[in-house]
Amino acid sequence: MPIYDFFCQDCGKDHELLVRSSNWKGTVCPKCGSTRLEKKMSSFAAVAAGASGGGAEGPSCSGVPSSCGMCGTGKPHSH
């Protein structure tokens, strides 16, 4: 099962949740219990979709460790 980024419309918090891709509606917010979640585009998907030439630009640091495209690549960067 993939991990998706969600935004809760009730408590205003972002969450990374492991859910079935075809059945994510009704997923419960771990903070407030609401089911009013919006699926967000992840930083990986944004980089992959916007990359030209087969990813020549590569990932970039988002400034947020939990959604950073550079963390784990071994390339120096800072948050």
PDB file of N, CA and C in Angstrom:
ATOM      1  N   MET A   1       0.839  -1.178   0.000  1.00  0.00           N
ATOM      2  CA  MET A   1       0.000   0.000   0.000  1.00  0.00           C
ATOM      3  C   MET A   1       0.887   1.246   0.000  1.00  0.00           C
ATOM      4  N   PRO A   2       0.536   2.233  -0.778  1.00  0.00           N
ATOM      5  CA  PRO A   2       1.337   3.460  -0.846  1.00  0.00           C
ATOM      6  C   PRO A   2       1.027   4.418   0.300  1.00  0.00           C
ATOM      7  N   ILE A   3       1.961   5.325   0.543  1.00  0.00           N
ATOM      8  CA  ILE A   3       1.769   6.393   1.520  1.00  0.00           C
ATOM      9  C   ILE A   3       1.337   7.636   0.760  1.00  0.00           C
ATOM     10  N   TYR A   4       0.278   8.275   1.229  1.00  0.00           N
ATOM     11  CA  TYR A   4      -0.227   9.496   0.616  1.00  0.00           C
ATOM     12  C   TYR A   4      -0.188  10.634   1.620  1.00  0.00           C
ATOM     13  N   ASP A   5      -0.067  11.855   1.122  1.00  0.00           N
ATOM     14  CA  ASP A   5      -0.142  13.054   1.939  1.00  0.00           C
ATOM     15  C   ASP A   5      -1.582  13.549   1.916  1.00  0.00           C
ATOM     16  N   PHE A   6      -2.097  13.867   3.102  1.00  0.00           N
ATOM     17  CA  PHE A   6      -3.460  14.360   3.231  1.00  0.00           C
ATOM     18  C   PHE A   6      -3.479  15.644   4.046  1.00  0.00           C
ATOM     19  N   PHE A   7      -4.495  16.466   3.797  1.00  0.00           N
ATOM     20  CA  PHE A   7      -4.764  17.650   4.594  1.00  0.00           C
ATOM     21  C   PHE A   7      -6.153  17.479   5.190  1.00  0.00           C
ATOM     22  N   CYS A   8      -6.272  17.651   6.510  1.00  0.00           N
ATOM     23  CA  CYS A   8      -7.571  17.535   7.178  1.00  0.00           C
ATOM     24  C   CYS A   8      -8.267  18.890   7.156  1.00  0.00           C
ATOM     25  N   GLN A   9      -9.462  18.923   6.609  1.00  0.00           N
ATOM     26  CA  GLN A   9     -10.233  20.161   6.518  1.00  0.00           C
ATOM     27  C   GLN A   9     -10.766  20.610   7.878  1.00  0.00           C
ATOM     28  N   ASP A  10     -10.864  19.690   8.842  1.00  0.00           N
ATOM     29  CA  ASP A  10     -11.409  20.051  10.148  1.00  0.00           C
ATOM     30  C   ASP A  10     -10.348  20.589  11.103  1.00  0.00           C
ATOM     31  N   CYS A  11      -9.208  19.896  11.245  1.00  0.00           N
ATOM     32  CA  CYS A  11      -8.197  20.342  12.205  1.00  0.00           C
ATOM     33  C   CYS A  11      -7.064  21.129  11.544  1.00  0.00           C
ATOM     34  N   GLY A  12      -7.008  21.116  10.199  1.00  0.00           N
ATOM     35  CA  GLY A  12      -6.002  21.898   9.497  1.00  0.00           C
ATOM     36  C   GLY A  12      -4.610  21.298   9.506  1.00  0.00           C
ATOM     37  N   LYS A  13      -4.476  20.034   9.841  1.00  0.00           N
ATOM     38  CA  LYS A  13      -3.163  19.382   9.913  1.00  0.00           C
ATOM     39  C   LYS A  13      -2.889  18.552   8.667  1.00  0.00           C
ATOM     40  N   ASP A  14      -1.600  18.448   8.314  1.00  0.00           N
ATOM     41  CA  ASP A  14      -1.146  17.572   7.239  1.00  0.00           C
ATOM     42  C   ASP A  14      -0.737  16.235   7.833  1.00  0.00           C
ATOM     43  N   HIS A  15      -0.998  15.154   7.106  1.00  0.00           N
ATOM     44  CA  HIS A  15      -0.655  13.812   7.574  1.00  0.00           C
ATOM     45  C   HIS A  15      -0.165  12.966   6.406  1.00  0.00           C
ATOM     46  N   GLU A  16       0.757  12.055   6.689  1.00  0.00           N
ATOM     47  CA  GLU A  16       1.159  11.021   5.735  1.00  0.00           C
ATOM     48  C   GLU A  16       0.518   9.734   6.219  1.00  0.00           C
ATOM     49  N   LEU A  17      -0.294   9.114   5.364  1.00  0.00           N
ATOM     50  CA  LEU A  17      -1.039   7.931   5.763  1.00  0.00           C
ATOM     51  C   LEU A  17      -0.859   6.806   4.753  1.00  0.00           C
ATOM     52  N   LEU A  18      -0.778   5.607   5.263  1.00  0.00           N
ATOM     53  CA  LEU A  18      -0.670   4.409   4.441  1.00  0.00           C
ATOM     54  C   LEU A  18      -2.084   3.915   4.159  1.00  0.00           C
ATOM     55  N   VAL A  19      -2.523   4.017   2.889  1.00  0.00           N
ATOM     56  CA  VAL A  19      -3.897   3.634   2.521  1.00  0.00           C
ATOM     57  C   VAL A  19      -3.911   2.953   1.163  1.00  0.00           C
ATOM     58  N   ARG A  20      -4.994   2.247   0.890  1.00  0.00           N
ATOM     59  CA  ARG A  20      -5.185   1.666  -0.436  1.00  0.00           C
ATOM     60  C   ARG A  20      -5.483   2.800  -1.402  1.00  0.00           C
ATOM     61  N   SER A  21      -4.784   2.835  -2.526  1.00  0.00           N
ATOM     62  CA  SER A  21      -4.924   3.948  -3.459  1.00  0.00           C
ATOM     63  C   SER A  21      -6.326   4.082  -4.020  1.00  0.00           C
ATOM     64  N   SER A  22      -7.013   2.978  -4.216  1.00  0.00           N
ATOM     65  CA  SER A  22      -8.340   3.037  -4.823  1.00  0.00           C
ATOM     66  C   SER A  22      -9.449   3.239  -3.784  1.00  0.00           C
ATOM     67  N   ASN A  23      -9.112   3.174  -2.512  1.00  0.00           N
ATOM     68  CA  ASN A  23     -10.141   3.239  -1.478  1.00  0.00           C
ATOM     69  C   ASN A  23      -9.704   4.139  -0.327  1.00  0.00           C
ATOM     70  N   TRP A  24      -9.256   5.369  -0.612  1.00  0.00           N
ATOM     71  CA  TRP A  24      -8.790   6.246   0.460  1.00  0.00           C
ATOM     72  C   TRP A  24      -9.893   7.104   1.054  1.00  0.00           C
ATOM     73  N   LYS A  25     -11.002   7.306   0.327  1.00  0.00           N
ATOM     74  CA  LYS A  25     -12.089   8.132   0.864  1.00  0.00           C
ATOM     75  C   LYS A  25     -12.676   7.458   2.092  1.00  0.00           C
ATOM     76  N   GLY A  26     -12.907   8.270   3.119  1.00  0.00           N
ATOM     77  CA  GLY A  26     -13.391   7.738   4.388  1.00  0.00           C
ATOM     78  C   GLY A  26     -12.259   7.454   5.355  1.00  0.00           C
ATOM     79  N   THR A  27     -11.012   7.683   4.929  1.00  0.00           N
ATOM     80  CA  THR A  27      -9.869   7.518   5.817  1.00  0.00           C
ATOM     81  C   THR A  27      -9.996   8.529   6.955  1.00  0.00           C
ATOM     82  N   VAL A  28      -9.667   8.102   8.161  1.00  0.00           N
ATOM     83  CA  VAL A  28      -9.844   8.920   9.351  1.00  0.00           C
ATOM     84  C   VAL A  28      -8.576   9.704   9.667  1.00  0.00           C
ATOM     85  N   CYS A  29      -8.747  10.978  10.011  1.00  0.00           N
ATOM     86  CA  CYS A  29      -7.631  11.824  10.429  1.00  0.00           C
ATOM     87  C   CYS A  29      -7.104  11.309  11.770  1.00  0.00           C
ATOM     88  N   PRO A  30      -5.795  11.056  11.876  1.00  0.00           N
ATOM     89  CA  PRO A  30      -5.246  10.550  13.136  1.00  0.00           C
ATOM     90  C   PRO A  30      -5.250  11.590  14.259  1.00  0.00           C
ATOM     91  N   LYS A  31      -5.425  12.859  13.933  1.00  0.00           N
ATOM     92  CA  LYS A  31      -5.417  13.927  14.941  1.00  0.00           C
ATOM     93  C   LYS A  31      -6.807  14.151  15.542  1.00  0.00           C
ATOM     94  N   CYS A  32      -7.824  14.296  14.668  1.00  0.00           N
ATOM     95  CA  CYS A  32      -9.152  14.675  15.176  1.00  0.00           C
ATOM     96  C   CYS A  32     -10.257  13.655  14.895  1.00  0.00           C
ATOM     97  N   GLY A  33      -9.978  12.649  14.054  1.00  0.00           N
ATOM     98  CA  GLY A  33     -10.978  11.632  13.763  1.00  0.00           C
ATOM     99  C   GLY A  33     -11.914  11.963  12.617  1.00  0.00           C
ATOM    100  N   SER A  34     -11.734  13.124  11.998  1.00  0.00           N
ATOM    101  CA  SER A  34     -12.583  13.532  10.882  1.00  0.00           C
ATOM    102  C   SER A  34     -12.305  12.672   9.650  1.00  0.00           C
ATOM    103  N   THR A  35     -13.282  12.567   8.782  1.00  0.00           N
ATOM    104  CA  THR A  35     -13.089  11.885   7.494  1.00  0.00           C
ATOM    105  C   THR A  35     -13.040  12.896   6.358  1.00  0.00           C
ATOM    106  N   ARG A  36     -12.918  14.178   6.682  1.00  0.00           N
ATOM    107  CA  ARG A  36     -12.865  15.246   5.669  1.00  0.00           C
ATOM    108  C   ARG A  36     -11.411  15.507   5.275  1.00  0.00           C
ATOM    109  N   LEU A  37     -10.795  14.522   4.639  1.00  0.00           N
ATOM    110  CA  LEU A  37      -9.409  14.640   4.210  1.00  0.00           C
ATOM    111  C   LEU A  37      -9.336  14.937   2.724  1.00  0.00           C
ATOM    112  N   GLU A  38      -8.358  15.764   2.355  1.00  0.00           N
ATOM    113  CA  GLU A  38      -8.067  16.040   0.946  1.00  0.00           C
ATOM    114  C   GLU A  38      -6.722  15.419   0.624  1.00  0.00           C
ATOM    115  N   LYS A  39      -6.659  14.659  -0.460  1.00  0.00           N
ATOM    116  CA  LYS A  39      -5.389  14.070  -0.876  1.00  0.00           C
ATOM    117  C   LYS A  39      -4.552  15.148  -1.540  1.00  0.00           C
ATOM    118  N   LYS A  40      -3.291  15.280  -1.095  1.00  0.00           N
ATOM    119  CA  LYS A  40      -2.385  16.291  -1.627  1.00  0.00           C
ATOM    120  C   LYS A  40      -1.428  15.651  -2.622  1.00  0.00           C
ATOM    121  N   MET A  41      -0.870  16.452  -3.492  1.00  0.00           N
ATOM    122  CA  MET A  41       0.175  15.963  -4.381  1.00  0.00           C
ATOM    123  C   MET A  41       1.471  15.922  -3.576  1.00  0.00           C
ATOM    124  N   SER A  42       2.118  14.784  -3.549  1.00  0.00           N
ATOM    125  CA  SER A  42       3.355  14.657  -2.786  1.00  0.00           C
ATOM    126  C   SER A  42       4.491  15.353  -3.504  1.00  0.00           C
ATOM    127  N   SER A  43       5.547  15.670  -2.768  1.00  0.00           N
ATOM    128  CA  SER A  43       6.695  16.341  -3.379  1.00  0.00           C
ATOM    129  C   SER A  43       7.345  15.440  -4.427  1.00  0.00           C
ATOM    130  N   PHE A  44       7.356  14.127  -4.223  1.00  0.00           N
ATOM    131  CA  PHE A  44       7.918  13.212  -5.214  1.00  0.00           C
ATOM    132  C   PHE A  44       7.115  13.270  -6.499  1.00  0.00           C
ATOM    133  N   ALA A  45       5.793  13.253  -6.384  1.00  0.00           N
ATOM    134  CA  ALA A  45       4.948  13.296  -7.576  1.00  0.00           C
ATOM    135  C   ALA A  45       5.118  14.620  -8.300  1.00  0.00           C
ATOM    136  N   ALA A  46       5.257  15.699  -7.561  1.00  0.00           N
ATOM    137  CA  ALA A  46       5.418  17.011  -8.177  1.00  0.00           C
ATOM    138  C   ALA A  46       6.743  17.092  -8.923  1.00  0.00           C
ATOM    139  N   VAL A  47       7.795  16.556  -8.358  1.00  0.00           N
ATOM    140  CA  VAL A  47       9.099  16.574  -9.013  1.00  0.00           C
ATOM    141  C   VAL A  47       9.083  15.668 -10.236  1.00  0.00           C
ATOM    142  N   ALA A  48       8.503  14.488 -10.108  1.00  0.00           N
ATOM    143  CA  ALA A  48       8.470  13.546 -11.218  1.00  0.00           C
ATOM    144  C   ALA A  48       7.618  14.091 -12.364  1.00  0.00           C
ATOM    145  N   ALA A  49       6.523  14.733 -12.041  1.00  0.00           N
ATOM    146  CA  ALA A  49       5.648  15.258 -13.075  1.00  0.00           C
ATOM    147  C   ALA A  49       6.254  16.476 -13.759  1.00  0.00           C
ATOM    148  N   GLY A  50       7.034  17.261 -13.023  1.00  0.00           N
ATOM    149  CA  GLY A  50       7.579  18.477 -13.581  1.00  0.00           C
ATOM    150  C   GLY A  50       8.966  18.326 -14.159  1.00  0.00           C
ATOM    151  N   ALA A  51       9.577  17.174 -14.006  1.00  0.00           N
ATOM    152  CA  ALA A  51      10.945  16.963 -14.494  1.00  0.00           C
ATOM    153  C   ALA A  51      10.956  16.877 -16.005  1.00  0.00           C
ATOM    154  N   SER A  52      11.986  17.442 -16.600  1.00  0.00           N
ATOM    155  CA  SER A  52      12.121  17.348 -18.050  1.00  0.00           C
ATOM    156  C   SER A  52      13.339  16.511 -18.388  1.00  0.00           C
ATOM    157  N   GLY A  53      13.309  15.857 -19.488  1.00  0.00           N
ATOM    158  CA  GLY A  53      14.447  15.057 -19.915  1.00  0.00           C
ATOM    159  C   GLY A  53      14.694  13.840 -19.056  1.00  0.00           C
ATOM    160  N   GLY A  54      13.640  13.239 -18.543  1.00  0.00           N
ATOM    161  CA  GLY A  54      13.798  12.013 -17.773  1.00  0.00           C
ATOM    162  C   GLY A  54      14.368  12.240 -16.393  1.00  0.00           C
ATOM    163  N   GLY A  55      14.108  13.397 -15.785  1.00  0.00           N
ATOM    164  CA  GLY A  55      14.552  13.629 -14.419  1.00  0.00           C
ATOM    165  C   GLY A  55      15.920  14.245 -14.329  1.00  0.00           C
ATOM    166  N   ALA A  56      16.368  14.965 -15.331  1.00  0.00           N
ATOM    167  CA  ALA A  56      17.692  15.562 -15.331  1.00  0.00           C
ATOM    168  C   ALA A  56      17.867  16.559 -14.190  1.00  0.00           C
ATOM    169  N   GLU A  57      16.775  17.229 -13.782  1.00  0.00           N
ATOM    170  CA  GLU A  57      16.865  18.187 -12.701  1.00  0.00           C
ATOM    171  C   GLU A  57      16.968  17.504 -11.351  1.00  0.00           C
ATOM    172  N   GLY A  58      16.380  16.359 -11.188  1.00  0.00           N
ATOM    173  CA  GLY A  58      16.447  15.607  -9.953  1.00  0.00           C
ATOM    174  C   GLY A  58      15.580  16.204  -8.862  1.00  0.00           C
ATOM    175  N   PRO A  59      15.572  15.553  -7.703  1.00  0.00           N
ATOM    176  CA  PRO A  59      14.749  16.024  -6.595  1.00  0.00           C
ATOM    177  C   PRO A  59      15.329  17.278  -5.968  1.00  0.00           C
ATOM    178  N   SER A  60      14.484  18.009  -5.273  1.00  0.00           N
ATOM    179  CA  SER A  60      14.942  19.191  -4.561  1.00  0.00           C
ATOM    180  C   SER A  60      14.452  19.131  -3.124  1.00  0.00           C
ATOM    181  N   CYS A  61      15.121  19.871  -2.258  1.00  0.00           N
ATOM    182  CA  CYS A  61      14.756  19.890  -0.851  1.00  0.00           C
ATOM    183  C   CYS A  61      13.561  20.806  -0.662  1.00  0.00           C
ATOM    184  N   SER A  62      12.525  20.300  -0.018  1.00  0.00           N
ATOM    185  CA  SER A  62      11.314  21.077   0.210  1.00  0.00           C
ATOM    186  C   SER A  62      11.434  21.975   1.429  1.00  0.00           C
ATOM    187  N   GLY A  63      12.452  21.745   2.260  1.00  0.00           N
ATOM    188  CA  GLY A  63      12.587  22.490   3.501  1.00  0.00           C
ATOM    189  C   GLY A  63      11.863  21.831   4.657  1.00  0.00           C
ATOM    190  N   VAL A  64      11.117  20.776   4.385  1.00  0.00           N
ATOM    191  CA  VAL A  64      10.403  20.035   5.408  1.00  0.00           C
ATOM    192  C   VAL A  64      10.916  18.603   5.377  1.00  0.00           C
ATOM    193  N   PRO A  65      11.630  18.161   6.438  1.00  0.00           N
ATOM    194  CA  PRO A  65      12.245  16.827   6.407  1.00  0.00           C
ATOM    195  C   PRO A  65      11.302  15.687   6.038  1.00  0.00           C
ATOM    196  N   SER A  66      10.037  15.740   6.468  1.00  0.00           N
ATOM    197  CA  SER A  66       9.124  14.631   6.180  1.00  0.00           C
ATOM    198  C   SER A  66       8.702  14.553   4.721  1.00  0.00           C
ATOM    199  N   SER A  67       8.886  15.625   3.954  1.00  0.00           N
ATOM    200  CA  SER A  67       8.508  15.588   2.547  1.00  0.00           C
ATOM    201  C   SER A  67       9.649  16.047   1.641  1.00  0.00           C
ATOM    202  N   CYS A  68      10.877  15.888   2.120  1.00  0.00           N
ATOM    203  CA  CYS A  68      12.043  16.365   1.379  1.00  0.00           C
ATOM    204  C   CYS A  68      12.431  15.383   0.282  1.00  0.00           C
ATOM    205  N   GLY A  69      12.642  15.895  -0.905  1.00  0.00           N
ATOM    206  CA  GLY A  69      13.050  15.059  -2.028  1.00  0.00           C
ATOM    207  C   GLY A  69      14.543  14.771  -2.048  1.00  0.00           C
ATOM    208  N   MET A  70      15.315  15.458  -1.197  1.00  0.00           N
ATOM    209  CA  MET A  70      16.765  15.260  -1.154  1.00  0.00           C
ATOM    210  C   MET A  70      17.194  14.297  -0.055  1.00  0.00           C
ATOM    211  N   CYS A  71      16.405  14.199   1.014  1.00  0.00           N
ATOM    212  CA  CYS A  71      16.772  13.324   2.129  1.00  0.00           C
ATOM    213  C   CYS A  71      16.872  11.889   1.646  1.00  0.00           C
ATOM    214  N   GLY A  72      17.921  11.224   2.021  1.00  0.00           N
ATOM    215  CA  GLY A  72      18.117   9.832   1.637  1.00  0.00           C
ATOM    216  C   GLY A  72      18.850   9.668   0.318  1.00  0.00           C
ATOM    217  N   THR A  73      19.187  10.766  -0.373  1.00  0.00           N
ATOM    218  CA  THR A  73      19.894  10.654  -1.646  1.00  0.00           C
ATOM    219  C   THR A  73      21.407  10.671  -1.452  1.00  0.00           C
ATOM    220  N   GLY A  74      21.855  11.095  -0.256  1.00  0.00           N
ATOM    221  CA  GLY A  74      23.286  11.187  -0.004  1.00  0.00           C
ATOM    222  C   GLY A  74      23.883  12.510  -0.478  1.00  0.00           C
ATOM    223  N   LYS A  75      23.069  13.366  -1.098  1.00  0.00           N
ATOM    224  CA  LYS A  75      23.556  14.667  -1.571  1.00  0.00           C
ATOM    225  C   LYS A  75      23.422  15.682  -0.435  1.00  0.00           C
ATOM    226  N   PRO A  76      24.448  16.522  -0.234  1.00  0.00           N
ATOM    227  CA  PRO A  76      24.369  17.488   0.850  1.00  0.00           C
ATOM    228  C   PRO A  76      23.283  18.536   0.604  1.00  0.00           C
ATOM    229  N   HIS A  77      22.552  18.841   1.652  1.00  0.00           N
ATOM    230  CA  HIS A  77      21.548  19.886   1.631  1.00  0.00           C
ATOM    231  C   HIS A  77      21.173  20.215   3.073  1.00  0.00           C
ATOM    232  N   SER A  78      20.386  21.249   3.273  1.00  0.00           N
ATOM    233  CA  SER A  78      19.973  21.613   4.633  1.00  0.00           C
ATOM    234  C   SER A  78      18.489  21.932   4.649  1.00  0.00           C
ATOM    235  N   HIS A  79      17.934  21.919   5.843  1.00  0.00           N
ATOM    236  CA  HIS A  79      16.505  22.214   6.021  1.00  0.00           C
ATOM    237  C   HIS A  79      16.363  23.545   6.685  1.00  0.00           C
TER     238      HIS A  79
END
